[in-house]
Amino acid sequence: MTASLPAAQRGITLLVGVAAFLGPFTQTVYAPILPELGSALSTTPFLINLSISIFTLVLAWMQIVYGPLVDSRGRRPILLLGLAIYVAASLGCFLSDSIEALLVFRALQAVGIAAGAVVAVTVIGDCFEGPARGRAMGSFQMMVALGPVLGPVAGGFVGEHFDYHHVFLLLVVVGLAVLALVAWRLRETRPAQVQARAFHPRQYLDILADRQGLAIILLSFVQYYAFYNYLVFMPRVLDDVYGLSASEKGLVFLPLSLAVVLGTFSGGRILAHWRARPMLLATATLNALSLLLFLLVAEWSLAALVVAVTVFGLFLGLSLPVQTSLLMDLYTDNRATAVGAYNFFRFMGMATGPVLGSWLFDGGGLGLLYGFGAAFFLLAVANAALRFRTAGRKATVVQD
């Protein structure tokens, strides 16, 4: 850890992890009650689904906004501001009695909670180094991965026993608790030697000009593109080929979610014993090959399908702490801006997966959909390998 922080503050990993957890948790928390919500607000399925899409899009674009703000204004004040906006917007969702009001407050929810993802990774980068950073990143990524797993569970329970308003009241209560904890426990972690500077859009171009950083960002885009292909199109396979019920399809998704959680937790621990770049290339390659495995077995055996998606989730999870740890090493002076760019492209991968995937699936079925995904994935891995090798040669020349 940095010298300015006592060892006891390693607990901030948990604190900022919870703040980041709220983003994906809020994104999916009322998914189980979408039909009931549509009936209560007397609106169309399109507008109800838009309330989820608008949250994701605003969440993505706000990464670009928060990155430079966190670098220039500090970690703590921006996170407190973001959480305050989130709590107020969640209260607005609770009080909404029309779809128009709900859409406005869902967008504001995303504006606020988007700060969590940027600040969390940046704080961990400030406070930990070497193997300790890898372990902290693994714990953080595990908490983020739990968000979309626990969101529908909590939302379904509350929605079944109360009306839809109380799902948003739950977010108000949780948001207030996290805001109070951050105000009480989180100190400013920006290193004293890092000078605040005014933001200029060129800072993002400078980040993307670093070929190693760009390779990592491209990998994250492709991984989440593939991940959301699973979430959107696997139910069609389970319907058309195996005729599963809604609850049975939910059980098929459970191993995928648990594998991502296990992978993120384990990845940070393994990183303490394995160099980051070779580990990222190995896990990303296996992640890409698991797409081909899924394509081969998806329509042949349900058990093999479950194994394939579980392997995908495991290697996705294993690679995530490595990506963020490498970014912290590459961008020491503008970490939050780099995290903002990384998160933006990751969320764009989520948004692109269903859109481009629908076109590919309609044009060529599973073969084109997952064949394209695997080829795109392997090209991204090859690009990362080339960039890492080139950077290693340059470092050797400088040392000589």
Protein backbone atom coordinates (compact mmCIF):
# COMPACT_ATOMS: atom_id res chain seq x y z
CA MET A 1 0.00 0.00 0.00
CA THR A 2 1.03 3.58 -0.33
CA ALA A 3 2.86 4.99 2.65
CA SER A 4 0.10 7.51 3.38
CA LEU A 5 -2.44 4.79 4.20
CA PRO A 6 -2.35 2.50 7.26
CA ALA A 7 -2.59 -1.23 6.73
CA ALA A 8 -6.02 -1.30 8.42
CA GLN A 9 -7.48 0.54 5.44
CA ARG A 10 -7.15 -2.49 3.22
CA GLY A 11 -10.81 -2.89 4.12
CA ILE A 12 -11.51 -0.13 1.61
CA THR A 13 -11.43 -2.88 -1.06
CA LEU A 14 -14.68 -4.12 0.42
CA LEU A 15 -16.06 -0.60 0.73
CA VAL A 16 -15.38 0.57 -2.83
CA GLY A 17 -16.30 -2.90 -4.10
CA VAL A 18 -19.79 -2.51 -2.63
CA ALA A 19 -20.12 0.89 -4.34
CA ALA A 20 -19.18 -0.70 -7.69
CA PHE A 21 -21.47 -3.69 -6.99
CA LEU A 22 -24.48 -1.35 -6.93
CA GLY A 23 -24.14 -0.64 -10.67
CA PRO A 24 -24.83 -4.15 -12.05
CA PHE A 25 -27.13 -4.89 -9.09
CA THR A 26 -29.32 -1.89 -9.98
CA GLN A 27 -29.15 -2.79 -13.67
CA THR A 28 -30.86 -6.16 -13.14
CA VAL A 29 -32.72 -5.89 -9.83
CA TYR A 30 -36.22 -5.57 -11.26
CA ALA A 31 -35.77 -7.86 -14.28
CA PRO A 32 -38.02 -10.57 -12.72
CA ILE A 33 -40.95 -8.16 -12.34
CA LEU A 34 -40.83 -6.44 -15.75
CA PRO A 35 -44.29 -7.72 -16.79
CA GLU A 36 -45.84 -6.56 -13.49
CA LEU A 37 -44.11 -3.21 -13.81
CA GLY A 38 -45.48 -2.76 -17.34
CA SER A 39 -49.01 -3.49 -16.15
CA ALA A 40 -48.72 -1.18 -13.16
CA LEU A 41 -47.55 1.73 -15.33
CA SER A 42 -49.92 0.90 -18.22
CA THR A 43 -47.14 0.96 -20.78
CA THR A 44 -45.61 -1.18 -23.53
CA PRO A 45 -42.94 -3.88 -23.19
CA PHE A 46 -40.66 -1.75 -25.40
CA LEU A 47 -40.70 1.19 -22.97
CA ILE A 48 -40.23 -1.09 -19.96
CA ASN A 49 -37.22 -2.73 -21.62
CA LEU A 50 -35.96 0.74 -22.51
CA SER A 51 -35.71 1.48 -18.79
CA ILE A 52 -32.97 -1.17 -18.61
CA SER A 53 -31.26 -0.17 -21.88
CA ILE A 54 -31.14 3.52 -20.99
CA PHE A 55 -29.50 2.67 -17.67
CA THR A 56 -26.76 0.68 -19.46
CA LEU A 57 -26.08 3.36 -22.09
CA VAL A 58 -25.87 6.20 -19.56
CA LEU A 59 -23.69 4.02 -17.33
CA ALA A 60 -21.29 3.57 -20.25
CA TRP A 61 -21.06 7.22 -21.28
CA MET A 62 -20.65 8.45 -17.72
CA GLN A 63 -17.43 6.43 -17.45
CA ILE A 64 -15.91 8.91 -19.90
CA VAL A 65 -17.12 11.82 -17.77
CA TYR A 66 -16.07 10.49 -14.38
CA GLY A 67 -12.57 9.32 -15.34
CA PRO A 68 -11.03 12.79 -15.71
CA LEU A 69 -13.09 14.16 -12.79
CA VAL A 70 -11.73 11.50 -10.44
CA ASP A 71 -8.17 12.24 -11.58
CA SER A 72 -8.55 16.01 -11.19
CA ARG A 73 -10.97 16.36 -8.24
CA GLY A 74 -10.10 13.31 -6.18
CA ARG A 75 -11.60 9.91 -5.46
CA ARG A 76 -13.63 10.55 -2.32
CA PRO A 77 -15.62 13.69 -3.29
CA ILE A 78 -16.65 12.29 -6.68
CA LEU A 79 -17.81 9.00 -5.18
CA LEU A 80 -19.82 10.84 -2.50
CA LEU A 81 -21.43 13.05 -5.17
CA GLY A 82 -22.24 10.06 -7.35
CA LEU A 83 -23.81 8.10 -4.48
CA ALA A 84 -25.90 11.13 -3.44
CA ILE A 85 -27.26 11.45 -6.99
CA TYR A 86 -27.96 7.70 -7.02
CA VAL A 87 -29.93 7.79 -3.76
CA ALA A 88 -31.99 10.78 -4.91
CA ALA A 89 -32.71 9.13 -8.28
CA SER A 90 -33.67 5.84 -6.61
CA LEU A 91 -36.14 7.76 -4.47
CA GLY A 92 -37.48 9.30 -7.68
CA CYS A 93 -37.96 5.79 -9.15
CA PHE A 94 -39.81 4.77 -5.97
CA LEU A 95 -42.19 7.73 -6.33
CA SER A 96 -42.66 7.40 -10.12
CA ASP A 97 -46.19 6.66 -11.30
CA SER A 98 -45.54 6.94 -15.06
CA ILE A 99 -43.08 5.34 -17.46
CA GLU A 100 -41.78 8.78 -18.49
CA ALA A 101 -40.80 9.63 -14.91
CA LEU A 102 -39.27 6.18 -14.42
CA LEU A 103 -37.10 6.58 -17.54
CA VAL A 104 -35.81 9.96 -16.34
CA PHE A 105 -34.93 8.69 -12.88
CA ARG A 106 -33.39 5.46 -14.23
CA ALA A 107 -31.05 7.60 -16.34
CA LEU A 108 -30.17 9.67 -13.26
CA GLN A 109 -29.53 6.49 -11.29
CA ALA A 110 -26.92 5.55 -13.88
CA VAL A 111 -25.41 9.04 -13.80
CA GLY A 112 -24.83 8.65 -10.07
CA ILE A 113 -23.73 5.04 -9.66
CA ALA A 114 -21.38 5.16 -12.66
CA ALA A 115 -18.86 6.82 -10.33
CA GLY A 116 -18.56 3.59 -8.33
CA ALA A 117 -16.83 1.53 -11.03
CA VAL A 118 -14.29 4.26 -11.85
CA VAL A 119 -13.45 5.15 -8.26
CA ALA A 120 -13.21 1.55 -7.03
CA VAL A 121 -10.54 0.42 -9.51
CA THR A 122 -8.64 3.69 -9.11
CA VAL A 123 -8.59 3.49 -5.30
CA ILE A 124 -7.32 -0.09 -5.42
CA GLY A 125 -4.64 0.99 -7.88
CA ASP A 126 -3.62 3.78 -5.49
CA CYS A 127 -3.49 1.64 -2.38
CA PHE A 128 -1.97 -1.66 -3.48
CA GLU A 129 1.02 -2.80 -5.49
CA GLY A 130 2.30 -6.09 -6.89
CA PRO A 131 0.63 -9.32 -5.71
CA ALA A 132 -1.47 -7.44 -3.15
CA ARG A 133 -3.02 -5.42 -5.97
CA GLY A 134 -3.89 -8.60 -7.85
CA ARG A 135 -5.64 -10.08 -4.83
CA ALA A 136 -7.53 -6.84 -4.19
CA MET A 137 -8.60 -6.63 -7.84
CA GLY A 138 -9.81 -10.23 -7.66
CA SER A 139 -11.93 -9.53 -4.60
CA PHE A 140 -13.32 -6.36 -6.20
CA GLN A 141 -14.17 -8.07 -9.50
CA MET A 142 -15.86 -10.89 -7.58
CA MET A 143 -18.16 -8.38 -5.90
CA VAL A 144 -18.99 -6.71 -9.22
CA ALA A 145 -19.73 -10.14 -10.74
CA LEU A 146 -22.15 -10.84 -7.89
CA GLY A 147 -24.25 -7.80 -8.87
CA PRO A 148 -26.12 -9.32 -11.84
CA VAL A 149 -26.42 -12.63 -9.93
CA LEU A 150 -27.97 -11.22 -6.75
CA GLY A 151 -29.97 -8.43 -8.41
CA PRO A 152 -32.73 -10.59 -9.90
CA VAL A 153 -32.86 -12.74 -6.74
CA ALA A 154 -33.40 -9.75 -4.45
CA GLY A 155 -35.76 -8.02 -6.89
CA GLY A 156 -37.84 -11.16 -7.38
CA PHE A 157 -38.20 -11.69 -3.62
CA VAL A 158 -39.21 -8.09 -2.91
CA GLY A 159 -41.49 -7.93 -5.95
CA GLU A 160 -43.29 -11.13 -4.94
CA HIS A 161 -44.03 -9.97 -1.39
CA PHE A 162 -44.58 -6.23 -2.03
CA ASP A 163 -45.36 -4.07 -5.08
CA TYR A 164 -42.75 -2.86 -7.58
CA HIS A 165 -42.20 0.45 -5.74
CA HIS A 166 -40.49 -1.38 -2.91
CA VAL A 167 -37.78 -2.72 -5.22
CA PHE A 168 -36.64 0.88 -5.68
CA LEU A 169 -37.09 1.58 -1.99
CA LEU A 170 -34.59 -1.24 -1.39
CA LEU A 171 -32.11 0.64 -3.59
CA VAL A 172 -32.69 3.84 -1.59
CA VAL A 173 -31.90 2.07 1.67
CA VAL A 174 -28.84 0.27 0.35
CA GLY A 175 -27.59 3.42 -1.36
CA LEU A 176 -27.92 5.45 1.84
CA ALA A 177 -26.01 2.81 3.78
CA VAL A 178 -23.14 2.79 1.28
CA LEU A 179 -23.09 6.61 1.17
CA ALA A 180 -22.82 6.76 4.98
CA LEU A 181 -20.02 4.16 5.04
CA VAL A 182 -18.04 5.94 2.33
CA ALA A 183 -18.40 9.28 4.12
CA TRP A 184 -17.23 7.68 7.36
CA ARG A 185 -14.46 5.32 6.22
CA LEU A 186 -13.02 6.37 2.87
CA ARG A 187 -10.11 8.80 2.89
CA GLU A 188 -8.70 10.46 -0.20
CA THR A 189 -6.20 8.08 -1.83
CA ARG A 190 -4.89 10.08 -4.78
CA PRO A 191 -1.06 10.00 -4.51
CA ALA A 192 0.41 13.33 -3.41
CA GLN A 193 2.89 13.32 -6.30
CA VAL A 194 0.11 13.19 -8.90
CA GLN A 195 -0.73 16.75 -9.87
CA ALA A 196 -4.30 17.62 -10.81
CA ARG A 197 -4.64 18.91 -14.35
CA ALA A 198 -7.48 20.33 -16.36
CA PHE A 199 -9.27 17.82 -18.54
CA HIS A 200 -8.81 17.85 -22.28
CA PRO A 201 -10.40 15.30 -24.64
CA ARG A 202 -6.93 14.53 -25.93
CA GLN A 203 -6.25 12.67 -22.68
CA TYR A 204 -8.42 9.83 -23.97
CA LEU A 205 -6.58 9.83 -27.28
CA ASP A 206 -3.31 9.59 -25.33
CA ILE A 207 -4.64 6.54 -23.47
CA LEU A 208 -5.74 4.84 -26.67
CA ALA A 209 -2.36 5.68 -28.25
CA ASP A 210 -0.69 3.31 -25.79
CA ARG A 211 -0.87 0.08 -27.75
CA GLN A 212 -0.74 -2.18 -24.71
CA GLY A 213 -3.58 -0.28 -23.05
CA LEU A 214 -5.60 -0.31 -26.28
CA ALA A 215 -5.08 -4.08 -26.61
CA ILE A 216 -6.45 -4.65 -23.09
CA ILE A 217 -9.43 -2.37 -23.76
CA LEU A 218 -10.19 -4.20 -27.02
CA LEU A 219 -10.07 -7.54 -25.21
CA SER A 220 -12.57 -6.31 -22.62
CA PHE A 221 -14.90 -5.14 -25.40
CA VAL A 222 -14.79 -8.52 -27.15
CA GLN A 223 -15.23 -10.50 -23.92
CA TYR A 224 -18.37 -8.63 -22.93
CA TYR A 225 -19.68 -8.76 -26.50
CA ALA A 226 -19.41 -12.56 -26.28
CA PHE A 227 -20.79 -12.67 -22.72
CA TYR A 228 -23.95 -10.82 -23.70
CA ASN A 229 -24.36 -13.07 -26.73
CA TYR A 230 -24.70 -15.89 -24.21
CA LEU A 231 -27.22 -14.00 -22.11
CA VAL A 232 -29.42 -13.07 -25.08
CA PHE A 233 -29.20 -16.05 -27.45
CA MET A 234 -28.67 -19.09 -25.23
CA PRO A 235 -32.35 -19.05 -24.15
CA ARG A 236 -33.30 -19.56 -27.81
CA VAL A 237 -31.20 -22.73 -27.92
CA LEU A 238 -32.68 -23.93 -24.64
CA ASP A 239 -36.18 -23.27 -26.03
CA ASP A 240 -35.81 -24.60 -29.56
CA VAL A 241 -33.53 -27.59 -28.95
CA TYR A 242 -34.32 -28.70 -25.40
CA GLY A 243 -37.76 -27.21 -24.70
CA LEU A 244 -36.88 -26.04 -21.19
CA SER A 245 -39.24 -24.07 -18.97
CA ALA A 246 -38.41 -20.58 -17.69
CA SER A 247 -37.22 -21.88 -14.32
CA GLU A 248 -35.13 -24.61 -15.97
CA LYS A 249 -33.47 -22.03 -18.22
CA GLY A 250 -32.65 -19.97 -15.15
CA LEU A 251 -30.88 -22.96 -13.63
CA VAL A 252 -28.74 -23.34 -16.77
CA PHE A 253 -27.53 -19.77 -16.33
CA LEU A 254 -26.58 -20.36 -12.70
CA PRO A 255 -23.27 -22.23 -13.42
CA LEU A 256 -22.22 -19.44 -15.80
CA SER A 257 -22.77 -16.78 -13.13
CA LEU A 258 -21.08 -18.78 -10.39
CA ALA A 259 -18.11 -19.54 -12.65
CA VAL A 260 -17.58 -15.82 -13.31
CA VAL A 261 -17.64 -15.13 -9.56
CA LEU A 262 -15.23 -17.99 -8.81
CA GLY A 263 -12.93 -16.94 -11.66
CA THR A 264 -12.66 -13.32 -10.57
CA PHE A 265 -11.88 -14.33 -6.99
CA SER A 266 -9.30 -16.92 -8.06
CA GLY A 267 -7.74 -14.74 -10.76
CA GLY A 268 -6.46 -12.20 -8.29
CA ARG A 269 -4.88 -14.93 -6.17
CA ILE A 270 -3.25 -16.66 -9.15
CA LEU A 271 -1.87 -13.31 -10.29
CA ALA A 272 0.32 -13.28 -7.19
CA HIS A 273 2.21 -16.27 -8.62
CA TRP A 274 2.04 -15.69 -12.39
CA ARG A 275 3.22 -12.75 -14.49
CA ALA A 276 0.29 -10.62 -15.61
CA ARG A 277 0.79 -10.53 -19.38
CA PRO A 278 1.27 -14.28 -19.94
CA MET A 279 -1.66 -14.97 -17.62
CA LEU A 280 -3.93 -12.59 -19.53
CA LEU A 281 -3.00 -14.14 -22.87
CA ALA A 282 -3.54 -17.68 -21.58
CA THR A 283 -6.92 -17.01 -19.95
CA ALA A 284 -8.18 -14.92 -22.88
CA THR A 285 -7.17 -17.60 -25.40
CA LEU A 286 -9.01 -20.29 -23.45
CA ASN A 287 -11.96 -17.92 -23.10
CA ALA A 288 -12.10 -17.58 -26.90
CA LEU A 289 -11.75 -21.31 -27.49
CA SER A 290 -14.65 -21.96 -25.11
CA LEU A 291 -16.89 -20.19 -27.65
CA LEU A 292 -15.93 -22.79 -30.23
CA LEU A 293 -16.58 -25.53 -27.69
CA PHE A 294 -20.06 -24.14 -27.11
CA LEU A 295 -20.71 -24.02 -30.86
CA LEU A 296 -19.70 -27.69 -31.20
CA VAL A 297 -21.83 -29.04 -28.34
CA ALA A 298 -24.75 -26.60 -27.95
CA GLU A 299 -27.21 -28.63 -30.02
CA TRP A 300 -25.74 -32.03 -29.17
CA SER A 301 -25.98 -32.34 -25.38
CA LEU A 302 -27.47 -30.17 -22.66
CA ALA A 303 -24.87 -31.38 -20.15
CA ALA A 304 -22.05 -30.49 -22.56
CA LEU A 305 -23.66 -27.09 -23.17
CA VAL A 306 -23.62 -26.38 -19.43
CA VAL A 307 -19.93 -27.40 -19.26
CA ALA A 308 -19.06 -25.10 -22.17
CA VAL A 309 -20.77 -22.03 -20.70
CA THR A 310 -19.25 -22.74 -17.29
CA VAL A 311 -15.76 -22.88 -18.84
CA PHE A 312 -16.47 -19.59 -20.61
CA GLY A 313 -17.52 -17.93 -17.34
CA LEU A 314 -14.50 -19.28 -15.48
CA PHE A 315 -11.92 -17.95 -17.95
CA LEU A 316 -13.78 -14.66 -18.31
CA GLY A 317 -13.57 -14.23 -14.55
CA LEU A 318 -9.91 -15.26 -14.36
CA SER A 319 -8.87 -12.62 -16.88
CA LEU A 320 -10.72 -9.61 -15.41
CA PRO A 321 -8.44 -8.87 -12.39
CA VAL A 322 -5.41 -9.17 -14.68
CA GLN A 323 -6.78 -6.55 -17.07
CA THR A 324 -7.42 -3.94 -14.38
CA SER A 325 -4.09 -4.64 -12.64
CA LEU A 326 -2.20 -4.09 -15.90
CA LEU A 327 -4.08 -0.85 -16.54
CA MET A 328 -3.05 0.46 -13.11
CA ASP A 329 0.61 -0.24 -13.98
CA LEU A 330 0.40 1.34 -17.43
CA TYR A 331 -1.36 4.57 -16.40
CA THR A 332 0.03 5.70 -13.06
CA ASP A 333 -0.71 9.43 -13.52
CA ASN A 334 -4.22 9.19 -15.00
CA ARG A 335 -5.59 5.95 -13.64
CA ALA A 336 -9.20 7.03 -13.37
CA THR A 337 -9.27 8.33 -16.93
CA ALA A 338 -7.87 5.00 -18.13
CA VAL A 339 -10.48 3.11 -16.10
CA GLY A 340 -13.18 5.33 -17.59
CA ALA A 341 -12.07 4.40 -21.12
CA TYR A 342 -11.84 0.71 -20.18
CA ASN A 343 -15.31 0.65 -18.61
CA PHE A 344 -16.82 2.59 -21.51
CA PHE A 345 -15.69 0.04 -24.09
CA ARG A 346 -16.67 -2.83 -21.80
CA PHE A 347 -20.21 -1.49 -21.54
CA MET A 348 -20.26 -0.85 -25.29
CA GLY A 349 -19.44 -4.54 -25.72
CA MET A 350 -22.52 -5.34 -23.62
CA ALA A 351 -24.67 -3.09 -25.81
CA THR A 352 -23.20 -4.31 -29.13
CA GLY A 353 -23.57 -8.03 -28.36
CA PRO A 354 -27.38 -8.24 -28.64
CA VAL A 355 -27.60 -5.82 -31.62
CA LEU A 356 -24.87 -7.24 -33.88
CA GLY A 357 -25.61 -10.73 -32.56
CA SER A 358 -29.24 -10.53 -33.73
CA TRP A 359 -28.12 -9.70 -37.25
CA LEU A 360 -25.58 -12.54 -37.31
CA PHE A 361 -27.99 -15.05 -35.78
CA ASP A 362 -30.72 -14.20 -38.27
CA GLY A 363 -28.24 -14.48 -41.14
CA GLY A 364 -26.49 -17.72 -40.21
CA GLY A 365 -27.71 -19.14 -36.91
CA LEU A 366 -25.40 -20.28 -34.14
CA GLY A 367 -22.55 -21.05 -36.54
CA LEU A 368 -22.21 -17.46 -37.76
CA LEU A 369 -22.98 -15.93 -34.37
CA TYR A 370 -20.40 -17.83 -32.31
CA GLY A 371 -17.98 -18.42 -35.17
CA PHE A 372 -17.69 -14.68 -35.69
CA GLY A 373 -17.38 -14.13 -31.93
CA ALA A 374 -14.57 -16.69 -31.59
CA ALA A 375 -12.67 -15.31 -34.62
CA PHE A 376 -13.02 -11.72 -33.34
CA PHE A 377 -11.88 -12.88 -29.90
CA LEU A 378 -8.80 -14.73 -31.19
CA LEU A 379 -7.78 -11.71 -33.29
CA ALA A 380 -7.97 -9.53 -30.17
CA VAL A 381 -5.78 -12.02 -28.27
CA ALA A 382 -3.26 -12.12 -31.14
CA ASN A 383 -3.16 -8.32 -31.17
CA ALA A 384 -2.52 -8.24 -27.40
CA ALA A 385 0.27 -10.82 -27.74
CA LEU A 386 1.92 -8.72 -30.46
CA ARG A 387 1.65 -5.50 -28.43
CA PHE A 388 3.02 -7.11 -25.27
CA ARG A 389 5.92 -8.66 -27.19
CA THR A 390 6.78 -5.35 -28.86
CA ALA A 391 6.66 -3.51 -25.51
CA GLY A 392 8.93 -6.17 -23.97
CA ARG A 393 11.49 -5.73 -26.71
CA LYS A 394 11.48 -1.96 -26.29
CA ALA A 395 11.97 -2.33 -22.53
CA THR A 396 14.93 -4.66 -23.12
CA VAL A 397 16.52 -2.17 -25.52
CA VAL A 398 16.12 0.65 -23.01
CA GLN A 399 17.71 -1.43 -20.24
CA ASP A 400 20.63 -2.37 -22.48
